[in-house]
PDB file of all heavy atoms in Angstrom:
ATOM      1  N   THR A   1      -0.512 -22.232  -0.756  1.00  0.00           N
ATOM      2  CA  THR A   1      -0.844 -21.987   0.653  1.00  0.00           C
ATOM      3  C   THR A   1      -0.566 -20.530   0.965  1.00  0.00           C
ATOM      4  O   THR A   1       0.456 -19.983   0.517  1.00  0.00           O
ATOM      5  CB  THR A   1       0.067 -22.862   1.555  1.00  0.00           C
ATOM      6  OG1 THR A   1       0.073 -24.183   1.021  1.00  0.00           O
ATOM      7  CG2 THR A   1      -0.420 -22.874   2.982  1.00  0.00           C
ATOM      8  N   GLU A   2      -1.478 -19.894   1.694  1.00  0.00           N
ATOM      9  CA  GLU A   2      -1.227 -18.513   2.115  1.00  0.00           C
ATOM     10  C   GLU A   2      -0.463 -18.544   3.433  1.00  0.00           C
ATOM     11  O   GLU A   2      -0.831 -19.273   4.358  1.00  0.00           O
ATOM     12  CB  GLU A   2      -2.551 -17.761   2.268  1.00  0.00           C
ATOM     13  CG  GLU A   2      -3.215 -17.522   0.917  1.00  0.00           C
ATOM     14  CD  GLU A   2      -4.436 -16.623   0.988  1.00  0.00           C
ATOM     15  OE1 GLU A   2      -4.876 -16.318   2.108  1.00  0.00           O
ATOM     16  OE2 GLU A   2      -4.945 -16.231  -0.082  1.00  0.00           O
ATOM     17  N   VAL A   3       0.625 -17.768   3.492  1.00  0.00           N
ATOM     18  CA  VAL A   3       1.480 -17.761   4.689  1.00  0.00           C
ATOM     19  C   VAL A   3       1.722 -16.315   5.115  1.00  0.00           C
ATOM     20  O   VAL A   3       1.567 -15.392   4.307  1.00  0.00           O
ATOM     21  CB  VAL A   3       2.840 -18.453   4.405  1.00  0.00           C
ATOM     22  CG1 VAL A   3       2.658 -19.915   4.058  1.00  0.00           C
ATOM     23  CG2 VAL A   3       3.598 -17.732   3.288  1.00  0.00           C
ATOM     24  N   PRO A   4       2.113 -16.093   6.373  1.00  0.00           N
ATOM     25  CA  PRO A   4       2.445 -14.721   6.779  1.00  0.00           C
ATOM     26  C   PRO A   4       3.663 -14.215   5.993  1.00  0.00           C
ATOM     27  O   PRO A   4       4.477 -15.010   5.507  1.00  0.00           O
ATOM     28  CB  PRO A   4       2.789 -14.861   8.272  1.00  0.00           C
ATOM     29  CG  PRO A   4       2.266 -16.194   8.678  1.00  0.00           C
ATOM     30  CD  PRO A   4       2.236 -17.055   7.470  1.00  0.00           C
ATOM     31  N   ILE A   5       3.789 -12.900   5.892  1.00  0.00           N
ATOM     32  CA  ILE A   5       4.923 -12.303   5.174  1.00  0.00           C
ATOM     33  C   ILE A   5       6.209 -12.591   5.960  1.00  0.00           C
ATOM     34  O   ILE A   5       6.251 -12.381   7.178  1.00  0.00           O
ATOM     35  CB  ILE A   5       4.714 -10.773   5.034  1.00  0.00           C
ATOM     36  CG1 ILE A   5       3.513 -10.510   4.125  1.00  0.00           C
ATOM     37  CG2 ILE A   5       5.959 -10.094   4.469  1.00  0.00           C
ATOM     38  CD1 ILE A   5       2.982  -9.119   4.193  1.00  0.00           C
ATOM     39  N   PRO A   6       7.276 -13.103   5.271  1.00  0.00           N
ATOM     40  CA  PRO A   6       8.542 -13.348   5.981  1.00  0.00           C
ATOM     41  C   PRO A   6       9.026 -12.072   6.674  1.00  0.00           C
ATOM     42  O   PRO A   6       8.936 -10.977   6.109  1.00  0.00           O
ATOM     43  CB  PRO A   6       9.497 -13.762   4.849  1.00  0.00           C
ATOM     44  CG  PRO A   6       8.613 -14.242   3.752  1.00  0.00           C
ATOM     45  CD  PRO A   6       7.348 -13.466   3.849  1.00  0.00           C
ATOM     46  N   GLU A   7       9.539 -12.238   7.919  1.00  0.00           N
ATOM     47  CA  GLU A   7       9.934 -11.067   8.719  1.00  0.00           C
ATOM     48  C   GLU A   7      10.976 -10.210   8.015  1.00  0.00           C
ATOM     49  O   GLU A   7      10.935  -8.982   8.074  1.00  0.00           O
ATOM     50  CB  GLU A   7      10.460 -11.522  10.090  1.00  0.00           C
ATOM     51  CG  GLU A   7       9.335 -11.938  11.032  1.00  0.00           C
ATOM     52  CD  GLU A   7       9.873 -12.468  12.343  1.00  0.00           C
ATOM     53  OE1 GLU A   7      11.022 -12.149  12.686  1.00  0.00           O
ATOM     54  OE2 GLU A   7       9.138 -13.208  13.022  1.00  0.00           O
ATOM     55  N   ASP A   8      11.948 -10.878   7.357  1.00  0.00           N
ATOM     56  CA  ASP A   8      13.028 -10.100   6.727  1.00  0.00           C
ATOM     57  C   ASP A   8      12.544  -9.280   5.529  1.00  0.00           C
ATOM     58  O   ASP A   8      13.272  -8.460   4.984  1.00  0.00           O
ATOM     59  CB  ASP A   8      14.189 -11.014   6.305  1.00  0.00           C
ATOM     60  CG  ASP A   8      13.735 -12.072   5.303  1.00  0.00           C
ATOM     61  OD1 ASP A   8      12.530 -12.357   5.257  1.00  0.00           O
ATOM     62  OD2 ASP A   8      14.590 -12.606   4.562  1.00  0.00           O
ATOM     63  N   MET A   9      11.288  -9.504   5.089  1.00  0.00           N
ATOM     64  CA  MET A   9      10.754  -8.752   3.945  1.00  0.00           C
ATOM     65  C   MET A   9       9.780  -7.662   4.379  1.00  0.00           C
ATOM     66  O   MET A   9       9.291  -6.903   3.532  1.00  0.00           O
ATOM     67  CB  MET A   9      10.030  -9.699   2.972  1.00  0.00           C
ATOM     68  CG  MET A   9      10.959 -10.624   2.204  1.00  0.00           C
ATOM     69  SD  MET A   9      10.015 -11.652   1.052  1.00  0.00           S
ATOM     70  CE  MET A   9       9.464 -10.448  -0.170  1.00  0.00           C
ATOM     71  N   ALA A  10       9.459  -7.577   5.659  1.00  0.00           N
ATOM     72  CA  ALA A  10       8.389  -6.685   6.134  1.00  0.00           C
ATOM     73  C   ALA A  10       8.580  -5.243   5.669  1.00  0.00           C
ATOM     74  O   ALA A  10       7.647  -4.609   5.142  1.00  0.00           O
ATOM     75  CB  ALA A  10       8.300  -6.748   7.652  1.00  0.00           C
ATOM     76  N   ALA A  11       9.809  -4.692   5.828  1.00  0.00           N
ATOM     77  CA  ALA A  11      10.045  -3.279   5.472  1.00  0.00           C
ATOM     78  C   ALA A  11       9.885  -3.068   3.972  1.00  0.00           C
ATOM     79  O   ALA A  11       9.262  -2.101   3.515  1.00  0.00           O
ATOM     80  CB  ALA A  11      11.451  -2.864   5.920  1.00  0.00           C
ATOM     81  N   GLU A  12      10.426  -4.015   3.175  1.00  0.00           N
ATOM     82  CA  GLU A  12      10.355  -3.906   1.706  1.00  0.00           C
ATOM     83  C   GLU A  12       8.900  -3.994   1.236  1.00  0.00           C
ATOM     84  O   GLU A  12       8.462  -3.229   0.365  1.00  0.00           O
ATOM     85  CB  GLU A  12      11.189  -5.031   1.083  1.00  0.00           C
ATOM     86  CG  GLU A  12      11.391  -4.874  -0.417  1.00  0.00           C
ATOM     87  CD  GLU A  12      12.096  -6.069  -1.055  1.00  0.00           C
ATOM     88  OE1 GLU A  12      12.154  -7.152  -0.433  1.00  0.00           O
ATOM     89  OE2 GLU A  12      12.575  -5.909  -2.178  1.00  0.00           O
ATOM     90  N   VAL A  13       8.149  -4.922   1.845  1.00  0.00           N
ATOM     91  CA  VAL A  13       6.733  -5.086   1.467  1.00  0.00           C
ATOM     92  C   VAL A  13       5.959  -3.804   1.782  1.00  0.00           C
ATOM     93  O   VAL A  13       5.154  -3.328   0.967  1.00  0.00           O
ATOM     94  CB  VAL A  13       6.111  -6.301   2.196  1.00  0.00           C
ATOM     95  CG1 VAL A  13       4.592  -6.300   2.041  1.00  0.00           C
ATOM     96  CG2 VAL A  13       6.700  -7.594   1.652  1.00  0.00           C
ATOM     97  N   GLU A  14       6.230  -3.224   2.937  1.00  0.00           N
ATOM     98  CA  GLU A  14       5.532  -1.996   3.336  1.00  0.00           C
ATOM     99  C   GLU A  14       5.815  -0.868   2.337  1.00  0.00           C
ATOM    100  O   GLU A  14       4.911  -0.139   1.906  1.00  0.00           O
ATOM    101  CB  GLU A  14       6.007  -1.586   4.742  1.00  0.00           C
ATOM    102  CG  GLU A  14       5.056  -0.589   5.397  1.00  0.00           C
ATOM    103  CD  GLU A  14       5.440  -0.320   6.854  1.00  0.00           C
ATOM    104  OE1 GLU A  14       5.819  -1.284   7.567  1.00  0.00           O
ATOM    105  OE2 GLU A  14       5.363   0.847   7.242  1.00  0.00           O
ATOM    106  N   GLU A  15       7.085  -0.770   1.931  1.00  0.00           N
ATOM    107  CA  GLU A  15       7.489   0.298   0.992  1.00  0.00           C
ATOM    108  C   GLU A  15       6.783   0.131  -0.362  1.00  0.00           C
ATOM    109  O   GLU A  15       6.201   1.076  -0.901  1.00  0.00           O
ATOM    110  CB  GLU A  15       9.021   0.226   0.802  1.00  0.00           C
ATOM    111  CG  GLU A  15       9.553   1.248  -0.196  1.00  0.00           C
ATOM    112  CD  GLU A  15      10.955   0.867  -0.702  1.00  0.00           C
ATOM    113  OE1 GLU A  15      11.660   0.069  -0.036  1.00  0.00           O
ATOM    114  OE2 GLU A  15      11.343   1.364  -1.776  1.00  0.00           O
ATOM    115  N   TRP A  16       6.798  -1.112  -0.883  1.00  0.00           N
ATOM    116  CA  TRP A  16       6.223  -1.323  -2.220  1.00  0.00           C
ATOM    117  C   TRP A  16       4.697  -1.308  -2.187  1.00  0.00           C
ATOM    118  O   TRP A  16       4.059  -0.922  -3.154  1.00  0.00           O
ATOM    119  CB  TRP A  16       6.758  -2.627  -2.829  1.00  0.00           C
ATOM    120  CG  TRP A  16       8.144  -2.431  -3.368  1.00  0.00           C
ATOM    121  CD1 TRP A  16       9.315  -2.757  -2.756  1.00  0.00           C
ATOM    122  CD2 TRP A  16       8.497  -1.798  -4.603  1.00  0.00           C
ATOM    123  NE1 TRP A  16      10.381  -2.382  -3.538  1.00  0.00           N
ATOM    124  CE2 TRP A  16       9.907  -1.795  -4.680  1.00  0.00           C
ATOM    125  CE3 TRP A  16       7.772  -1.238  -5.649  1.00  0.00           C
ATOM    126  CZ2 TRP A  16      10.607  -1.252  -5.757  1.00  0.00           C
ATOM    127  CZ3 TRP A  16       8.460  -0.702  -6.733  1.00  0.00           C
ATOM    128  CH2 TRP A  16       9.864  -0.709  -6.781  1.00  0.00           C
ATOM    129  N   ARG A  17       4.101  -1.718  -1.062  1.00  0.00           N
ATOM    130  CA  ARG A  17       2.632  -1.645  -0.948  1.00  0.00           C
ATOM    131  C   ARG A  17       2.201  -0.182  -0.938  1.00  0.00           C
ATOM    132  O   ARG A  17       1.223   0.199  -1.587  1.00  0.00           O
ATOM    133  CB  ARG A  17       2.159  -2.360   0.323  1.00  0.00           C
ATOM    134  CG  ARG A  17       0.630  -2.299   0.481  1.00  0.00           C
ATOM    135  CD  ARG A  17       0.143  -3.151   1.635  1.00  0.00           C
ATOM    136  NE  ARG A  17      -1.171  -2.725   2.100  1.00  0.00           N
ATOM    137  CZ  ARG A  17      -2.323  -3.048   1.521  1.00  0.00           C
ATOM    138  NH1 ARG A  17      -2.333  -3.802   0.455  1.00  0.00           N
ATOM    139  NH2 ARG A  17      -3.468  -2.618   2.024  1.00  0.00           N
ATOM    140  N   ALA A  18       2.968   0.665  -0.234  1.00  0.00           N
ATOM    141  CA  ALA A  18       2.652   2.104  -0.194  1.00  0.00           C
ATOM    142  C   ALA A  18       2.748   2.697  -1.604  1.00  0.00           C
ATOM    143  O   ALA A  18       1.898   3.486  -2.028  1.00  0.00           O
ATOM    144  CB  ALA A  18       3.605   2.827   0.753  1.00  0.00           C
ATOM    145  N   LYS A  19       3.800   2.269  -2.361  1.00  0.00           N
ATOM    146  CA  LYS A  19       3.958   2.770  -3.747  1.00  0.00           C
ATOM    147  C   LYS A  19       2.790   2.324  -4.620  1.00  0.00           C
ATOM    148  O   LYS A  19       2.303   3.074  -5.468  1.00  0.00           O
ATOM    149  CB  LYS A  19       5.268   2.242  -4.350  1.00  0.00           C
ATOM    150  CG  LYS A  19       6.511   2.958  -3.832  1.00  0.00           C
ATOM    151  CD  LYS A  19       7.754   2.410  -4.527  1.00  0.00           C
ATOM    152  CE  LYS A  19       9.002   3.089  -3.995  1.00  0.00           C
ATOM    153  NZ  LYS A  19      10.234   2.510  -4.517  1.00  0.00           N
ATOM    154  N   LEU A  20       2.351   1.062  -4.429  1.00  0.00           N
ATOM    155  CA  LEU A  20       1.228   0.538  -5.213  1.00  0.00           C
ATOM    156  C   LEU A  20      -0.034   1.352  -4.924  1.00  0.00           C
ATOM    157  O   LEU A  20      -0.728   1.808  -5.847  1.00  0.00           O
ATOM    158  CB  LEU A  20       1.002  -0.942  -4.863  1.00  0.00           C
ATOM    159  CG  LEU A  20      -0.331  -1.564  -5.322  1.00  0.00           C
ATOM    160  CD1 LEU A  20      -0.433  -1.582  -6.837  1.00  0.00           C
ATOM    161  CD2 LEU A  20      -0.496  -2.983  -4.792  1.00  0.00           C
ATOM    162  N   ILE A  21      -0.327   1.565  -3.629  1.00  0.00           N
ATOM    163  CA  ILE A  21      -1.556   2.292  -3.264  1.00  0.00           C
ATOM    164  C   ILE A  21      -1.477   3.731  -3.765  1.00  0.00           C
ATOM    165  O   ILE A  21      -2.465   4.287  -4.253  1.00  0.00           O
ATOM    166  CB  ILE A  21      -1.799   2.212  -1.743  1.00  0.00           C
ATOM    167  CG1 ILE A  21      -2.160   0.754  -1.401  1.00  0.00           C
ATOM    168  CG2 ILE A  21      -2.909   3.155  -1.299  1.00  0.00           C
ATOM    169  CD1 ILE A  21      -2.342   0.466   0.055  1.00  0.00           C
ATOM    170  N   GLU A  22      -0.278   4.308  -3.731  1.00  0.00           N
ATOM    171  CA  GLU A  22      -0.107   5.685  -4.224  1.00  0.00           C
ATOM    172  C   GLU A  22      -0.372   5.749  -5.737  1.00  0.00           C
ATOM    173  O   GLU A  22      -1.088   6.626  -6.223  1.00  0.00           O
ATOM    174  CB  GLU A  22       1.325   6.146  -3.920  1.00  0.00           C
ATOM    175  CG  GLU A  22       1.507   7.638  -4.116  1.00  0.00           C
ATOM    176  CD  GLU A  22       2.918   8.084  -3.744  1.00  0.00           C
ATOM    177  OE1 GLU A  22       3.619   7.354  -3.021  1.00  0.00           O
ATOM    178  OE2 GLU A  22       3.306   9.152  -4.205  1.00  0.00           O
ATOM    179  N   SER A  23       0.178   4.772  -6.484  1.00  0.00           N
ATOM    180  CA  SER A  23      -0.041   4.744  -7.947  1.00  0.00           C
ATOM    181  C   SER A  23      -1.517   4.615  -8.275  1.00  0.00           C
ATOM    182  O   SER A  23      -2.033   5.260  -9.190  1.00  0.00           O
ATOM    183  CB  SER A  23       0.680   3.552  -8.586  1.00  0.00           C
ATOM    184  OG  SER A  23       2.027   3.595  -8.316  1.00  0.00           O
ATOM    185  N   VAL A  24      -2.203   3.756  -7.518  1.00  0.00           N
ATOM    186  CA  VAL A  24      -3.632   3.520  -7.758  1.00  0.00           C
ATOM    187  C   VAL A  24      -4.437   4.751  -7.370  1.00  0.00           C
ATOM    188  O   VAL A  24      -5.364   5.168  -8.082  1.00  0.00           O
ATOM    189  CB  VAL A  24      -4.074   2.279  -6.947  1.00  0.00           C
ATOM    190  CG1 VAL A  24      -5.575   2.167  -6.936  1.00  0.00           C
ATOM    191  CG2 VAL A  24      -3.477   1.025  -7.544  1.00  0.00           C
ATOM    192  N   ALA A  25      -4.057   5.376  -6.233  1.00  0.00           N
ATOM    193  CA  ALA A  25      -4.793   6.551  -5.742  1.00  0.00           C
ATOM    194  C   ALA A  25      -4.670   7.724  -6.710  1.00  0.00           C
ATOM    195  O   ALA A  25      -5.615   8.492  -6.889  1.00  0.00           O
ATOM    196  CB  ALA A  25      -4.276   6.948  -4.363  1.00  0.00           C
ATOM    197  N   GLU A  26      -3.511   7.842  -7.373  1.00  0.00           N
ATOM    198  CA  GLU A  26      -3.323   8.923  -8.355  1.00  0.00           C
ATOM    199  C   GLU A  26      -4.354   8.834  -9.471  1.00  0.00           C
ATOM    200  O   GLU A  26      -4.694   9.816 -10.105  1.00  0.00           O
ATOM    201  CB  GLU A  26      -1.930   8.803  -9.002  1.00  0.00           C
ATOM    202  CG  GLU A  26      -0.829   9.450  -8.203  1.00  0.00           C
ATOM    203  CD  GLU A  26       0.539   9.196  -8.838  1.00  0.00           C
ATOM    204  OE1 GLU A  26       0.580   8.824 -10.020  1.00  0.00           O
ATOM    205  OE2 GLU A  26       1.540   9.370  -8.145  1.00  0.00           O
ATOM    206  N   TYR A  27      -4.818   7.617  -9.704  1.00  0.00           N
ATOM    207  CA  TYR A  27      -5.709   7.386 -10.837  1.00  0.00           C
ATOM    208  C   TYR A  27      -7.172   7.658 -10.495  1.00  0.00           C
ATOM    209  O   TYR A  27      -7.999   7.827 -11.376  1.00  0.00           O
ATOM    210  CB  TYR A  27      -5.535   5.935 -11.309  1.00  0.00           C
ATOM    211  CG  TYR A  27      -6.246   5.670 -12.596  1.00  0.00           C
ATOM    212  CD1 TYR A  27      -5.752   6.176 -13.797  1.00  0.00           C
ATOM    213  CD2 TYR A  27      -7.440   4.965 -12.622  1.00  0.00           C
ATOM    214  CE1 TYR A  27      -6.422   5.962 -14.974  1.00  0.00           C
ATOM    215  CE2 TYR A  27      -8.114   4.746 -13.799  1.00  0.00           C
ATOM    216  CZ  TYR A  27      -7.596   5.249 -14.975  1.00  0.00           C
ATOM    217  OH  TYR A  27      -8.257   5.053 -16.152  1.00  0.00           O
ATOM    218  N   ASP A  28      -7.489   7.667  -9.195  1.00  0.00           N
ATOM    219  CA  ASP A  28      -8.894   7.783  -8.788  1.00  0.00           C
ATOM    220  C   ASP A  28      -9.002   8.832  -7.676  1.00  0.00           C
ATOM    221  O   ASP A  28      -8.420   8.680  -6.606  1.00  0.00           O
ATOM    222  CB  ASP A  28      -9.353   6.396  -8.287  1.00  0.00           C
ATOM    223  CG  ASP A  28     -10.853   6.341  -8.060  1.00  0.00           C
ATOM    224  OD1 ASP A  28     -11.382   7.263  -7.414  1.00  0.00           O
ATOM    225  OD2 ASP A  28     -11.488   5.374  -8.518  1.00  0.00           O
ATOM    226  N   ASP A  29      -9.759   9.912  -7.932  1.00  0.00           N
ATOM    227  CA  ASP A  29      -9.841  11.031  -6.972  1.00  0.00           C
ATOM    228  C   ASP A  29     -10.371  10.597  -5.602  1.00  0.00           C
ATOM    229  O   ASP A  29      -9.888  11.039  -4.563  1.00  0.00           O
ATOM    230  CB  ASP A  29     -10.746  12.145  -7.529  1.00  0.00           C
ATOM    231  CG  ASP A  29     -10.101  12.788  -8.749  1.00  0.00           C
ATOM    232  OD1 ASP A  29      -8.878  12.598  -8.915  1.00  0.00           O
ATOM    233  OD2 ASP A  29     -10.809  13.459  -9.523  1.00  0.00           O
ATOM    234  N   THR A  30     -11.392   9.706  -5.600  1.00  0.00           N
ATOM    235  CA  THR A  30     -11.962   9.264  -4.314  1.00  0.00           C
ATOM    236  C   THR A  30     -10.907   8.539  -3.492  1.00  0.00           C
ATOM    237  O   THR A  30     -10.779   8.729  -2.278  1.00  0.00           O
ATOM    238  CB  THR A  30     -13.132   8.272  -4.570  1.00  0.00           C
ATOM    239  OG1 THR A  30     -13.804   8.654  -5.750  1.00  0.00           O
ATOM    240  CG2 THR A  30     -14.084   8.245  -3.401  1.00  0.00           C
ATOM    241  N   LEU A  31     -10.118   7.705  -4.191  1.00  0.00           N
ATOM    242  CA  LEU A  31      -9.072   6.959  -3.487  1.00  0.00           C
ATOM    243  C   LEU A  31      -7.975   7.905  -3.012  1.00  0.00           C
ATOM    244  O   LEU A  31      -7.363   7.673  -1.970  1.00  0.00           O
ATOM    245  CB  LEU A  31      -8.467   5.887  -4.400  1.00  0.00           C
ATOM    246  CG  LEU A  31      -9.370   4.724  -4.816  1.00  0.00           C
ATOM    247  CD1 LEU A  31      -8.551   3.643  -5.498  1.00  0.00           C
ATOM    248  CD2 LEU A  31     -10.078   4.103  -3.620  1.00  0.00           C
ATOM    249  N   MET A  32      -7.725   8.974  -3.788  1.00  0.00           N
ATOM    250  CA  MET A  32      -6.683   9.938  -3.408  1.00  0.00           C
ATOM    251  C   MET A  32      -7.039  10.587  -2.059  1.00  0.00           C
ATOM    252  O   MET A  32      -6.193  10.717  -1.183  1.00  0.00           O
ATOM    253  CB  MET A  32      -6.544  10.999  -4.508  1.00  0.00           C
ATOM    254  CG  MET A  32      -5.390  11.960  -4.310  1.00  0.00           C
ATOM    255  SD  MET A  32      -3.798  11.136  -4.242  1.00  0.00           S
ATOM    256  CE  MET A  32      -3.234  11.334  -5.903  1.00  0.00           C
ATOM    257  N   GLU A  33      -8.323  10.933  -1.906  1.00  0.00           N
ATOM    258  CA  GLU A  33      -8.765  11.526  -0.625  1.00  0.00           C
ATOM    259  C   GLU A  33      -8.568  10.530   0.521  1.00  0.00           C
ATOM    260  O   GLU A  33      -8.033  10.851   1.573  1.00  0.00           O
ATOM    261  CB  GLU A  33     -10.251  11.919  -0.708  1.00  0.00           C
ATOM    262  CG  GLU A  33     -10.475  13.169  -1.537  1.00  0.00           C
ATOM    263  CD  GLU A  33     -11.953  13.438  -1.772  1.00  0.00           C
ATOM    264  OE1 GLU A  33     -12.780  12.993  -0.943  1.00  0.00           O
ATOM    265  OE2 GLU A  33     -12.280  14.080  -2.784  1.00  0.00           O
ATOM    266  N   LYS A  34      -8.989   9.271   0.269  1.00  0.00           N
ATOM    267  CA  LYS A  34      -8.827   8.232   1.292  1.00  0.00           C
ATOM    268  C   LYS A  34      -7.345   8.030   1.612  1.00  0.00           C
ATOM    269  O   LYS A  34      -6.974   7.786   2.756  1.00  0.00           O
ATOM    270  CB  LYS A  34      -9.408   6.902   0.784  1.00  0.00           C
ATOM    271  CG  LYS A  34     -10.905   6.766   0.955  1.00  0.00           C
ATOM    272  CD  LYS A  34     -11.293   5.309   0.692  1.00  0.00           C
ATOM    273  CE  LYS A  34     -12.751   5.059   1.047  1.00  0.00           C
ATOM    274  NZ  LYS A  34     -13.097   3.648   0.953  1.00  0.00           N
ATOM    275  N   PHE A  35      -6.514   8.101   0.573  1.00  0.00           N
ATOM    276  CA  PHE A  35      -5.069   7.869   0.733  1.00  0.00           C
ATOM    277  C   PHE A  35      -4.465   8.909   1.682  1.00  0.00           C
ATOM    278  O   PHE A  35      -3.655   8.580   2.548  1.00  0.00           O
ATOM    279  CB  PHE A  35      -4.388   7.928  -0.648  1.00  0.00           C
ATOM    280  CG  PHE A  35      -2.888   7.756  -0.615  1.00  0.00           C
ATOM    281  CD1 PHE A  35      -2.325   6.518  -0.322  1.00  0.00           C
ATOM    282  CD2 PHE A  35      -2.036   8.821  -0.865  1.00  0.00           C
ATOM    283  CE1 PHE A  35      -0.946   6.346  -0.288  1.00  0.00           C
ATOM    284  CE2 PHE A  35      -0.658   8.662  -0.826  1.00  0.00           C
ATOM    285  CZ  PHE A  35      -0.113   7.418  -0.541  1.00  0.00           C
ATOM    286  N   PHE A  36      -4.898  10.185   1.524  1.00  0.00           N
ATOM    287  CA  PHE A  36      -4.353  11.239   2.390  1.00  0.00           C
ATOM    288  C   PHE A  36      -4.901  11.123   3.820  1.00  0.00           C
ATOM    289  O   PHE A  36      -4.200  11.395   4.781  1.00  0.00           O
ATOM    290  CB  PHE A  36      -4.641  12.623   1.806  1.00  0.00           C
ATOM    291  CG  PHE A  36      -3.757  12.940   0.627  1.00  0.00           C
ATOM    292  CD1 PHE A  36      -4.300  13.326  -0.593  1.00  0.00           C
ATOM    293  CD2 PHE A  36      -2.369  12.842   0.728  1.00  0.00           C
ATOM    294  CE1 PHE A  36      -3.484  13.601  -1.682  1.00  0.00           C
ATOM    295  CE2 PHE A  36      -1.555  13.119  -0.356  1.00  0.00           C
ATOM    296  CZ  PHE A  36      -2.103  13.503  -1.564  1.00  0.00           C
ATOM    297  N   ASP A  37      -6.170  10.687   3.927  1.00  0.00           N
ATOM    298  CA  ASP A  37      -6.758  10.544   5.275  1.00  0.00           C
ATOM    299  C   ASP A  37      -6.137   9.340   6.003  1.00  0.00           C
ATOM    300  O   ASP A  37      -5.614   9.465   7.099  1.00  0.00           O
ATOM    301  CB  ASP A  37      -8.284  10.352   5.186  1.00  0.00           C
ATOM    302  CG  ASP A  37      -8.944  11.622   4.655  1.00  0.00           C
ATOM    303  OD1 ASP A  37      -8.276  12.673   4.693  1.00  0.00           O
ATOM    304  OD2 ASP A  37     -10.092  11.543   4.179  1.00  0.00           O
ATOM    305  N   ASP A  38      -6.240   8.172   5.346  1.00  0.00           N
ATOM    306  CA  ASP A  38      -5.701   6.953   5.958  1.00  0.00           C
ATOM    307  C   ASP A  38      -5.521   5.900   4.859  1.00  0.00           C
ATOM    308  O   ASP A  38      -6.503   5.293   4.412  1.00  0.00           O
ATOM    309  CB  ASP A  38      -6.681   6.438   7.029  1.00  0.00           C
ATOM    310  CG  ASP A  38      -6.236   5.084   7.587  1.00  0.00           C
ATOM    311  OD1 ASP A  38      -5.061   4.701   7.356  1.00  0.00           O
ATOM    312  OD2 ASP A  38      -7.057   4.416   8.245  1.00  0.00           O
ATOM    313  N   PRO A  39      -4.261   5.676   4.407  1.00  0.00           N
ATOM    314  CA  PRO A  39      -4.027   4.722   3.304  1.00  0.00           C
ATOM    315  C   PRO A  39      -4.595   3.336   3.596  1.00  0.00           C
ATOM    316  O   PRO A  39      -5.001   2.617   2.677  1.00  0.00           O
ATOM    317  CB  PRO A  39      -2.504   4.665   3.187  1.00  0.00           C
ATOM    318  CG  PRO A  39      -2.005   5.911   3.844  1.00  0.00           C
ATOM    319  CD  PRO A  39      -3.005   6.276   4.890  1.00  0.00           C
ATOM    320  N   ASN A  40      -4.669   2.940   4.870  1.00  0.00           N
ATOM    321  CA  ASN A  40      -5.161   1.600   5.202  1.00  0.00           C
ATOM    322  C   ASN A  40      -6.678   1.471   5.061  1.00  0.00           C
ATOM    323  O   ASN A  40      -7.228   0.374   5.155  1.00  0.00           O
ATOM    324  CB  ASN A  40      -4.750   1.219   6.630  1.00  0.00           C
ATOM    325  CG  ASN A  40      -3.234   1.100   6.729  1.00  0.00           C
ATOM    326  OD1 ASN A  40      -2.595   0.687   5.763  1.00  0.00           O
ATOM    327  ND2 ASN A  40      -2.671   1.475   7.861  1.00  0.00           N
TER     328      ASN A  40
END
């Protein structure tokens, strides 16, 4: 079942999601540009 992210994990999830997107963006120039403009 898909459920909302537990409240007590929100900050940790945000931190690790940002790290994931950064790692992926490093690998692809187009994504890197998008990452600097707006990671979302």
